Protein backbone atom coordinates (compact mmCIF):
# COMPACT_ATOMS: atom_id res chain seq x y z
CA MET A 1 0.00 0.00 0.00
CA ARG A 2 2.80 2.42 0.90
CA PHE A 3 4.52 1.72 -2.42
CA LYS A 4 1.29 2.43 -4.31
CA LEU A 5 0.91 5.71 -2.44
CA LEU A 6 4.47 6.58 -3.32
CA MET A 7 3.89 5.84 -6.99
CA SER A 8 0.75 7.96 -6.90
CA ALA A 9 2.70 10.83 -5.39
CA PHE A 10 5.29 10.63 -8.13
CA VAL A 11 2.69 10.54 -10.87
CA GLY A 12 1.23 13.63 -9.26
CA SER A 13 4.61 15.33 -9.30
CA ILE A 14 5.12 14.68 -12.99
CA SER A 15 1.64 15.99 -13.71
CA LEU A 16 2.53 19.08 -11.72
CA MET A 17 5.55 19.69 -13.92
CA ALA A 18 3.23 19.78 -16.93
CA LEU A 19 1.15 22.38 -15.13
CA ALA A 20 4.11 24.66 -14.32
CA PRO A 21 2.38 27.95 -15.29
CA GLN A 22 -0.55 27.19 -12.97
CA VAL A 23 1.84 26.24 -10.17
CA MET A 24 3.83 29.44 -10.59
CA ALA A 25 0.62 31.44 -10.48
CA ALA A 26 -0.31 29.71 -7.25
CA GLU A 27 3.15 30.40 -5.85
CA SER A 28 2.80 34.11 -6.46
CA ASN A 29 -0.06 34.14 -3.96
CA SER A 30 1.41 31.66 -1.47
CA ALA A 31 3.72 31.98 1.50
CA THR A 32 7.35 32.82 0.77
CA LEU A 33 8.62 29.52 2.18
CA LEU A 34 5.63 27.17 1.93
CA THR A 35 5.14 27.66 -1.80
CA ALA A 36 2.99 25.35 -3.91
CA LYS A 37 6.10 23.52 -5.09
CA GLN A 38 7.47 23.25 -1.56
CA ARG A 39 4.26 21.59 -0.41
CA GLU A 40 4.28 19.17 -3.35
CA ILE A 41 7.95 18.29 -2.80
CA ASP A 42 7.25 17.65 0.87
CA ARG A 43 4.26 15.43 0.12
CA ILE A 44 6.37 13.30 -2.21
CA ALA A 45 9.35 13.21 0.15
CA SER A 46 7.08 12.15 3.02
CA ALA A 47 6.00 9.14 0.98
CA LEU A 48 9.52 8.42 -0.23
CA VAL A 49 10.94 7.96 3.27
CA GLN A 50 8.54 5.03 3.70
CA ASP A 51 9.98 3.18 0.68
CA PRO A 52 11.56 -0.12 1.87
CA GLN A 53 14.95 0.65 0.32
CA VAL A 54 15.04 4.11 1.90
CA VAL A 55 13.99 2.61 5.24
CA ALA A 56 16.88 0.16 4.93
CA ALA A 57 19.30 3.05 4.33
CA HIS A 58 17.82 4.83 7.36
CA ASP A 59 18.29 1.73 9.52
CA ALA A 60 21.88 1.34 8.33
CA VAL A 61 22.69 4.83 9.65
CA VAL A 62 21.00 4.06 12.97
CA GLN A 63 23.04 0.87 13.26
CA ALA A 64 26.32 2.61 12.36
CA TRP A 65 25.73 5.53 14.70
CA SER A 66 24.67 3.19 17.50
CA ALA A 67 28.27 1.99 17.65
CA LEU A 68 29.65 5.51 18.14
CA PRO A 69 30.70 6.72 21.61
CA LEU A 70 27.90 9.32 21.56
CA ALA A 71 25.29 6.58 21.46
CA GLN A 72 26.59 5.10 24.69
CA GLN A 73 25.46 8.20 26.61
CA PRO A 74 21.81 8.52 27.71
CA ASP A 75 21.14 11.68 25.69
CA GLY A 76 22.93 10.23 22.67
CA ARG A 77 20.73 7.13 22.79
CA SER A 78 17.50 9.04 23.34
CA GLN A 79 18.09 11.47 20.45
CA LEU A 80 19.66 9.12 17.89
CA ALA A 81 16.52 7.87 16.13
CA GLY A 82 15.01 11.35 15.82
CA ALA A 83 18.24 12.79 14.47
CA VAL A 84 18.48 10.06 11.81
CA ASP A 85 14.81 10.54 10.89
CA GLU A 86 15.47 14.21 10.13
CA LEU A 87 18.71 13.54 8.26
CA VAL A 88 16.86 11.05 6.06
CA TYR A 89 14.04 13.50 5.41
CA PHE A 90 16.58 16.20 4.56
CA ALA A 91 18.03 13.81 1.97
CA ALA A 92 14.62 12.83 0.57
CA ARG A 93 13.46 16.42 0.20
CA ASN A 94 16.65 17.39 -1.62
CA ALA A 95 16.49 14.34 -3.87
CA VAL A 96 12.89 15.03 -4.88
CA GLU A 97 13.76 18.65 -5.69
CA ALA A 98 16.80 17.58 -7.71
CA LYS A 99 15.15 14.76 -9.63
CA GLN A 100 11.55 15.92 -10.00
CA PHE A 101 11.44 19.71 -9.78
CA ALA A 102 14.90 21.13 -10.46
CA PRO A 103 15.46 23.95 -10.45
CA THR A 104 13.30 24.90 -7.46
CA ILE A 105 14.26 26.94 -4.44
CA VAL A 106 13.21 24.71 -1.57
CA TRP A 107 13.21 25.33 2.19
CA ALA A 108 15.76 22.64 2.93
CA VAL A 109 16.51 22.75 6.67
CA ALA A 110 13.40 23.30 8.73
CA ALA A 111 11.32 22.22 11.69
CA PRO A 112 8.27 19.97 11.24
CA TYR A 113 5.10 21.66 10.03
CA ALA A 114 1.47 20.70 9.55
CA GLU A 115 0.08 20.12 6.06
CA GLY A 116 -3.64 19.57 6.49
CA SER A 117 -4.03 16.51 8.68
CA ALA A 118 -0.46 15.38 8.03
CA THR A 119 2.77 16.48 9.70
CA ILE A 120 5.74 17.09 7.43
CA PRO A 121 8.87 15.80 9.17
CA GLY A 122 11.67 18.07 10.30
CA SER A 123 14.96 18.26 8.42
CA ARG A 124 17.28 19.81 11.01
CA PHE A 125 20.87 18.86 10.42
CA GLY A 126 24.51 19.90 10.88
CA ILE A 127 24.16 22.48 13.72
CA ASP A 128 21.41 24.41 11.98
CA ASP A 129 20.72 27.94 13.19
CA PRO A 130 17.11 28.57 14.32
CA ASP A 131 17.49 32.20 13.20
CA ARG A 132 18.51 31.12 9.72
CA ILE A 133 16.30 30.35 6.76
CA TYR A 134 18.21 27.77 4.71
CA ARG A 135 17.04 27.23 1.15
CA SER A 136 18.64 25.24 -1.64
CA ALA A 137 18.34 24.49 -5.34
CA THR A 138 19.99 21.99 -7.67
CA VAL A 139 22.08 23.53 -10.45
CA ASP A 140 24.17 22.37 -13.40
CA PRO A 141 27.16 24.45 -14.61
CA ALA A 142 26.17 23.59 -18.19
CA LEU A 143 22.98 25.64 -17.79
CA ARG A 144 22.20 29.30 -17.16
CA TYR A 145 19.79 30.50 -14.50
CA VAL A 146 18.13 33.68 -13.29
CA ILE A 147 17.03 34.25 -9.72
CA HIS A 148 14.43 36.92 -9.07
CA GLY A 149 14.28 38.21 -5.51
CA LYS A 150 12.25 40.66 -3.48
CA ARG A 151 13.03 42.05 -0.04
CA SER A 152 10.06 42.16 2.33
CA LEU A 153 8.82 45.32 4.02
CA GLN A 154 10.61 44.15 7.16
CA PRO A 155 13.39 42.15 5.57
CA SER A 156 15.87 39.61 6.85
CA ASN A 157 19.25 40.85 8.03
CA ARG A 158 21.12 42.78 5.40
CA ASP A 159 23.90 40.16 5.02
CA PHE A 160 21.91 37.48 3.18
CA LEU A 161 24.04 35.12 1.11
CA PHE A 162 23.96 32.88 -1.96
CA GLU A 163 26.52 30.04 -2.08
CA VAL A 164 27.53 27.32 -4.52
CA THR A 165 28.15 23.91 -2.97
CA GLY A 166 29.79 20.76 -4.24
CA SER A 167 28.61 17.21 -3.72
CA ASP A 168 30.53 17.10 -0.42
CA LEU A 169 28.48 20.06 0.94
CA LYS A 170 31.51 22.34 1.01
CA THR A 171 31.13 25.92 -0.23
CA ILE A 172 33.02 26.56 -3.48
CA GLY A 173 31.63 29.96 -4.45
CA SER A 174 29.47 32.71 -3.03
CA LEU A 175 27.62 35.94 -3.74
CA PRO A 176 27.13 38.07 -0.61
CA ALA A 177 24.47 40.75 -0.33
CA ARG A 178 27.08 43.51 -0.51
CA ASP A 179 27.68 42.48 -4.15
CA ILE A 180 24.00 42.59 -5.07
CA ASP A 181 22.30 45.75 -6.33
CA ILE A 182 18.75 46.08 -5.00
CA SER A 183 16.12 48.34 -6.57
CA ALA A 184 14.21 50.94 -4.59
CA ASP A 185 11.20 48.61 -4.43
CA GLY A 186 13.35 45.85 -2.88
CA SER A 187 13.61 43.70 -6.01
CA PHE A 188 16.81 42.23 -7.41
CA THR A 189 17.89 39.87 -10.17
CA ILE A 190 20.87 37.48 -10.04
CA THR A 191 22.41 35.66 -12.99
CA VAL A 192 23.89 32.23 -12.28
CA ASP A 193 26.11 30.34 -14.73
CA ALA A 194 29.63 29.10 -15.37
CA THR A 195 30.99 32.41 -16.66
CA PRO A 196 33.24 34.45 -14.33
CA ALA A 197 31.84 37.61 -12.81
CA ASP A 198 34.78 39.77 -14.01
CA GLY A 199 33.58 42.64 -11.88
CA ARG A 200 29.89 42.15 -12.65
CA ARG A 201 27.54 42.62 -9.75
CA ASN A 202 24.52 40.38 -9.19
CA HIS A 203 26.32 37.41 -10.75
CA LEU A 204 27.10 34.04 -9.16
CA THR A 205 29.64 31.87 -10.94
CA LEU A 206 29.09 28.10 -11.02
CA PRO A 207 32.41 26.20 -10.79
CA ALA A 208 32.67 23.01 -12.83
CA ASN A 209 32.05 20.89 -9.72
CA GLY A 210 29.11 22.96 -8.48
CA THR A 211 25.97 20.92 -7.87
CA GLY A 212 23.76 23.10 -5.70
CA LEU A 213 22.92 26.49 -4.28
CA LEU A 214 22.62 27.18 -0.55
CA ILE A 215 20.81 30.39 0.34
CA ARG A 216 20.93 31.91 3.82
CA ASP A 217 18.60 34.56 5.25
CA THR A 218 18.90 35.51 8.92
CA LEU A 219 15.90 36.52 11.03
CA ALA A 220 17.27 37.93 14.28
CA ASP A 221 13.78 39.27 15.08
CA TRP A 222 11.29 36.49 14.41
CA ALA A 223 8.26 38.64 15.16
CA HIS A 224 8.91 41.13 12.39
CA GLN A 225 11.53 40.02 9.87
CA SER A 226 10.74 37.90 6.82
CA PRO A 227 13.03 36.14 4.33
CA ASN A 228 13.53 37.26 0.76
CA HIS A 229 10.96 36.04 -1.75
CA LEU A 230 12.89 34.04 -4.39
CA THR A 231 12.25 32.19 -7.64
CA ILE A 232 14.68 30.54 -10.03
CA ALA A 233 14.37 29.65 -13.73
CA VAL A 234 16.53 28.10 -16.44
CA VAL A 235 17.24 30.65 -19.17
CA GLY A 236 19.93 28.81 -21.13
CA GLY A 237 19.95 25.14 -22.03
CA PRO A 238 17.21 22.54 -21.60
CA ALA A 239 15.55 22.31 -18.20
CA PRO A 240 16.13 18.92 -16.53
CA LYS A 241 13.40 16.34 -17.13
CA PRO A 242 11.72 14.63 -14.16
CA ALA A 243 13.49 11.41 -13.24
CA THR A 244 12.03 7.97 -12.63
CA LEU A 245 11.09 6.67 -9.21
CA ASP A 246 14.15 4.41 -9.23
CA GLU A 247 16.47 7.34 -9.94
CA THR A 248 14.93 9.48 -7.23
CA ARG A 249 15.12 6.65 -4.71
CA ALA A 250 18.76 6.01 -5.63
CA GLN A 251 19.56 9.71 -5.21
CA THR A 252 17.90 9.73 -1.79
CA ILE A 253 19.95 6.76 -0.63
CA ALA A 254 23.17 8.31 -1.96
CA LEU A 255 22.42 11.56 -0.13
CA ILE A 256 21.61 9.73 3.11
CA ARG A 257 25.04 8.13 3.01
CA GLU A 258 26.77 11.41 2.16
CA TYR A 259 24.98 13.39 4.87
CA ALA A 260 25.63 10.67 7.45
CA ARG A 261 29.32 10.76 6.55
CA PHE A 262 29.33 14.57 6.78
CA ASP A 263 27.65 14.57 10.19
CA ALA A 264 29.90 11.81 11.56
CA GLN A 265 32.96 13.79 10.46
CA LEU A 266 31.58 16.94 12.09
CA LEU A 267 30.83 15.10 15.33
CA THR A 268 34.31 13.58 15.37
CA GLN A 269 35.83 17.06 15.12
CA LEU A 270 33.59 18.41 17.87
CA SER A 271 34.39 15.50 20.18
CA LYS A 272 37.85 17.04 20.55
CA THR A 273 36.60 20.43 21.75
CA PRO A 274 36.72 21.31 25.47
CA LEU A 275 33.50 20.90 27.44
CA ASN A 276 31.51 24.03 28.27
CA GLN A 277 33.98 26.36 26.54
CA LEU A 278 33.89 28.26 23.25
CA VAL A 279 36.83 29.25 21.07
CA PRO A 280 35.36 31.47 18.31
CA GLN A 281 37.11 31.52 14.94
CA VAL A 282 36.73 33.40 11.67
CA ARG A 283 34.88 31.34 9.08
CA THR A 284 36.62 30.41 5.84
CA ALA A 285 35.24 30.00 2.33
CA GLU A 286 34.96 26.24 2.80
CA SER A 287 32.37 26.58 5.57
CA GLY A 288 30.43 29.51 4.09
CA VAL A 289 29.65 32.99 5.49
CA VAL A 290 33.22 34.09 4.79
CA GLY A 291 34.61 36.45 7.41
CA ALA A 292 31.88 35.77 9.97
CA ILE A 293 32.77 34.31 13.36
CA ILE A 294 31.62 30.99 14.77
CA GLY A 295 32.40 28.97 17.86
CA THR A 296 31.07 25.44 18.42
CA SER A 297 31.64 23.06 21.29
CA ARG A 298 30.04 20.54 23.65
CA PHE A 299 28.06 21.20 26.79
CA SER A 300 27.67 18.90 29.77
CA ILE A 301 25.39 20.31 32.45
CA GLY A 302 23.79 18.57 35.44
CA ASN A 303 20.14 19.01 36.34
CA ASP A 304 21.19 21.16 39.30
CA GLU A 305 23.70 23.20 37.28
CA ALA A 306 23.85 26.04 34.78
CA LEU A 307 26.46 27.22 32.31
CA ILE A 308 26.82 31.00 32.48
CA LEU A 309 28.14 32.45 29.24
CA THR A 310 28.85 36.17 28.87
CA ILE A 311 29.35 37.41 25.31
CA ASP A 312 30.63 40.76 24.07
CA GLY A 313 29.22 41.14 20.56
CA GLN A 314 31.47 44.14 19.83
CA GLY A 315 28.76 45.90 17.87
CA ALA A 316 27.85 42.99 15.59
CA ARG A 317 24.40 43.36 14.07
CA TYR A 318 23.78 39.64 14.48
CA LEU A 319 24.74 37.39 17.35
CA GLY A 320 23.06 34.07 17.96
CA LEU A 321 23.55 31.36 20.57
CA GLU A 322 22.02 28.01 19.66
CA LEU A 323 21.90 24.55 21.22
CA THR A 324 21.63 21.17 19.54
CA ASP A 325 21.24 17.59 20.66
CA PRO A 326 24.38 15.38 20.66
CA TRP A 327 23.87 14.61 16.94
CA ALA A 328 23.98 18.30 15.85
CA ARG A 329 20.20 18.68 15.40
CA SER A 330 18.79 21.93 16.77
CA LEU A 331 16.50 21.63 19.78
CA PRO A 332 12.74 22.39 19.43
CA TYR A 333 13.35 26.12 19.18
CA TRP A 334 9.80 26.95 18.06
CA GLU A 335 8.41 25.94 21.45
CA SER A 336 11.33 26.56 23.82
CA THR A 337 14.24 28.93 24.23
CA GLY A 338 16.74 26.61 22.57
CA SER A 339 18.37 29.68 21.00
CA LEU A 340 18.47 33.42 21.61
CA SER A 341 19.65 36.08 19.17
CA ASN A 342 20.92 39.51 20.17
CA LEU A 343 17.44 40.89 19.45
CA GLN A 344 15.72 38.20 21.52
CA ALA A 345 18.00 38.39 24.57
CA LYS A 346 18.21 41.24 27.08
CA PRO A 347 21.69 42.81 27.31
CA SER A 348 23.40 44.12 30.42
CA ALA A 349 24.12 47.83 30.85
CA ASP A 350 27.63 47.38 29.45
CA GLY A 351 26.28 45.91 26.20
CA THR A 352 27.28 42.32 26.91
CA ILE A 353 24.75 39.48 26.92
CA THR A 354 24.85 36.92 29.71
CA TYR A 355 23.18 33.64 28.78
CA VAL A 356 22.20 30.94 31.25
CA ILE A 357 22.22 27.45 29.70
CA SER A 358 20.54 24.78 31.80
CA PRO A 359 18.10 21.85 31.65
CA ASN A 360 15.76 23.48 34.17
CA ASP A 361 14.28 26.97 34.12
CA PRO A 362 16.47 29.23 36.28
CA GLY A 363 13.98 32.10 36.28
CA VAL A 364 16.28 34.25 34.12
CA TYR A 365 15.06 35.92 30.92
CA ASN A 366 18.18 34.90 28.93
CA TRP A 367 17.65 31.21 29.63
CA VAL A 368 18.78 28.97 26.76
CA SER A 369 17.00 25.70 27.40
CA THR A 370 18.65 22.33 26.81
CA ALA A 371 15.14 20.83 26.48
CA GLY A 372 15.96 18.57 29.40
CA LEU A 373 19.21 17.25 27.92
CA ASN A 374 22.39 17.17 29.95
CA ASN A 375 24.70 16.80 26.96
CA GLY A 376 24.76 18.30 23.49
CA LEU A 377 26.38 20.97 21.36
CA PHE A 378 26.24 24.75 21.44
CA ALA A 379 27.22 27.30 18.83
CA LEU A 380 27.84 31.03 18.81
CA ARG A 381 27.48 32.90 15.53
CA VAL A 382 28.61 36.53 15.17
CA GLU A 383 27.98 38.27 11.85
CA ASP A 384 27.66 41.63 10.11
CA PHE A 385 30.18 43.66 12.08
CA ALA A 386 32.64 46.43 11.25
CA GLN A 387 35.39 44.85 13.33
CA ALA A 388 35.42 42.10 15.93
CA ASP A 389 38.16 40.21 17.75
CA PRO A 390 37.21 36.52 18.13
CA ALA A 391 39.45 36.23 21.20
CA LYS A 392 37.43 38.89 23.03
CA LEU A 393 33.91 37.66 22.24
CA VAL A 394 33.61 35.27 25.17
CA ARG A 395 34.05 37.26 28.36
CA SER A 396 33.49 34.24 30.60
CA ALA A 397 32.09 30.71 30.59
CA ARG A 398 31.60 28.77 33.82
CA ILE A 399 29.47 26.09 35.41
CA VAL A 400 27.68 26.94 38.66
CA LYS A 401 25.11 25.25 40.84
CA LEU A 402 21.60 26.61 40.36
CA ALA A 403 21.56 27.45 44.04
CA ASP A 404 24.54 29.76 43.48
CA LEU A 405 23.21 31.31 40.28
CA PRO A 406 21.74 34.55 41.72
CA ALA A 407 25.08 35.59 43.17
CA ALA A 408 26.95 34.65 39.99
CA LEU A 409 24.84 36.74 37.58
CA PRO A 410 25.27 40.44 36.75
CA ALA A 411 23.20 42.62 39.05
CA ASP A 412 21.05 43.79 36.14
CA ALA A 413 20.31 40.32 34.72
CA ALA A 414 16.60 40.24 33.92
CA ARG A 415 14.53 37.77 35.91
CA VAL A 416 11.12 36.37 34.90
CA THR A 417 8.08 34.99 36.65
CA ALA A 418 6.26 31.89 35.42
CA THR A 419 3.69 34.14 33.75
CA GLU A 420 6.38 36.18 32.02
CA ARG A 421 8.10 33.01 30.81
CA ALA A 422 4.84 31.76 29.34
CA GLN A 423 4.43 35.08 27.54
CA GLN A 424 8.00 34.91 26.21
CA LEU A 425 7.39 31.40 24.84
CA ALA A 426 4.04 32.40 23.33
CA GLU A 427 5.66 35.34 21.52
CA ARG A 428 8.43 33.06 20.32
CA LYS A 429 5.95 30.53 18.93
CA ALA A 430 3.99 33.28 17.18
CA GLY A 431 7.21 34.60 15.66
CA TYR A 432 8.12 31.16 14.36
CA ASP A 433 4.61 30.51 12.98
CA LYS A 434 4.96 33.72 10.97
CA ARG A 435 7.44 31.86 8.74
CA LEU A 436 4.70 29.48 7.69
CA THR A 437 2.24 32.14 6.60
CA ASP A 438 4.23 35.15 5.32
C-alpha cells in the first residue's frame, strides 16, 4: 500500500511539472517559504521515506551511529533515532527537488510543520541555526539561471548570502548581499552560470564541480523580519526532465550516506573540543559565510547546574547562541528557548549578553533551554560587524550550581516569573509561525 501511495505521489509530481504555469501562479499568492512547489515536494518526500529501500538506508545509519561513543550516553541514545529521521528527510526532500522539480528553491533545513491533517517531518541537520532560513536548489554548470528576488517590508538581516556547494556540501563559491544591487522597491535579479563575474555585480559563478545552491537569510527578530521572496528559472539550455522513481530513490539513498558521513565527520571534530567552553574563529570559504565568526563546542550540564556564558558582541548586528542535541540537530526552538539572538535576549548595561544554559528553568530571561538534555552541542554565531576580535567575544564561561546562580549573575540580569516566561514562549511561537504564513 505504501509503495502504491508513493507511486501515486510521483505521478502527481510529474503531472505538476506539466502544469508549471498554474503552479507558478499559485506560488505568487502563497507563502514565501511554503510555496505550492514546496508543499508538493514535501508530500512526495514524506511518501519516499517510507519506501523499503530508503527505510533500509535509514536503519543502516541508525546501526552505524549506535556503535559511536555518543550513542553510549543517555542523551545520545535518546536522540539518535530522531536525528536520523530528520537527516533522512533532509536527503529525501533534496532528492525530490533535484530529480523531479529542479530547479526549485526549496526550504531545505526546517522544523516539522502541519500540512492539512499530516505532519511534514523536520529536516534539522549539521548544527542548523534557528534564526537562519536555509534554502537550496539543484544547479548544473552547463545551464544558465536567473534568480528573481524581493526584499520584504521588514526584511531579513542585510547580510543574506547565496553560495555554490559541491557534492561534499563544502562551499566553493558565493555571492554576498554587498555584491547585489537592489532596486528601490526591494527587487533584485541574479544571474547564475559558469561564466566568471569579471567585476559584474549580481552574478554568481558556477564552478565546474558545483551541484547546488545554498541560500541563507537571517531573522534575528522572528516577530517582524521575513526572508527574501525568491524564484529561479533556467534561461539557457534545456531544463532537466523529471526522473524515474528508481532514480529518485537512488539519489535519496546516496544523499543519506553522504549526509551521514558529513555529520559523523563533524561530530568527530567536535568531540575534541573542550567541554563548556567556546573558542570562536573566523569562518573560511569552505564553511560559508566568509569572514563571519563561529564557535562550536560541547556542553555537559547537570540538572542542578547552569552554564553561564557572557558574550561581548562588539557591535555585531547579528549574534546568535544556539543549542543542539548530541547529533547536531537543533533543539525544538519553536516551542522553547533553545536559542536566543541579540534581538531576543536582554543585554546588560555594558552591552554584553549573559546567557544561562541549563536543563531546568532558572527564572532568568536569557535562559537557553537544553530541552531537558544534559549533553549536546552549542554554537555562537557573530555576523555583520565592522570589526570584531574573536578572542574577546567570550568574556566568561563557567558552570555553577543553580543554588549559586543569583550571586553569579550580573546585578542587572533580567529575571522572569512563570507568567512572564509563558508570555516569552508564546511570543516566540507566534514569531516562528509567521514563517509558515508570510
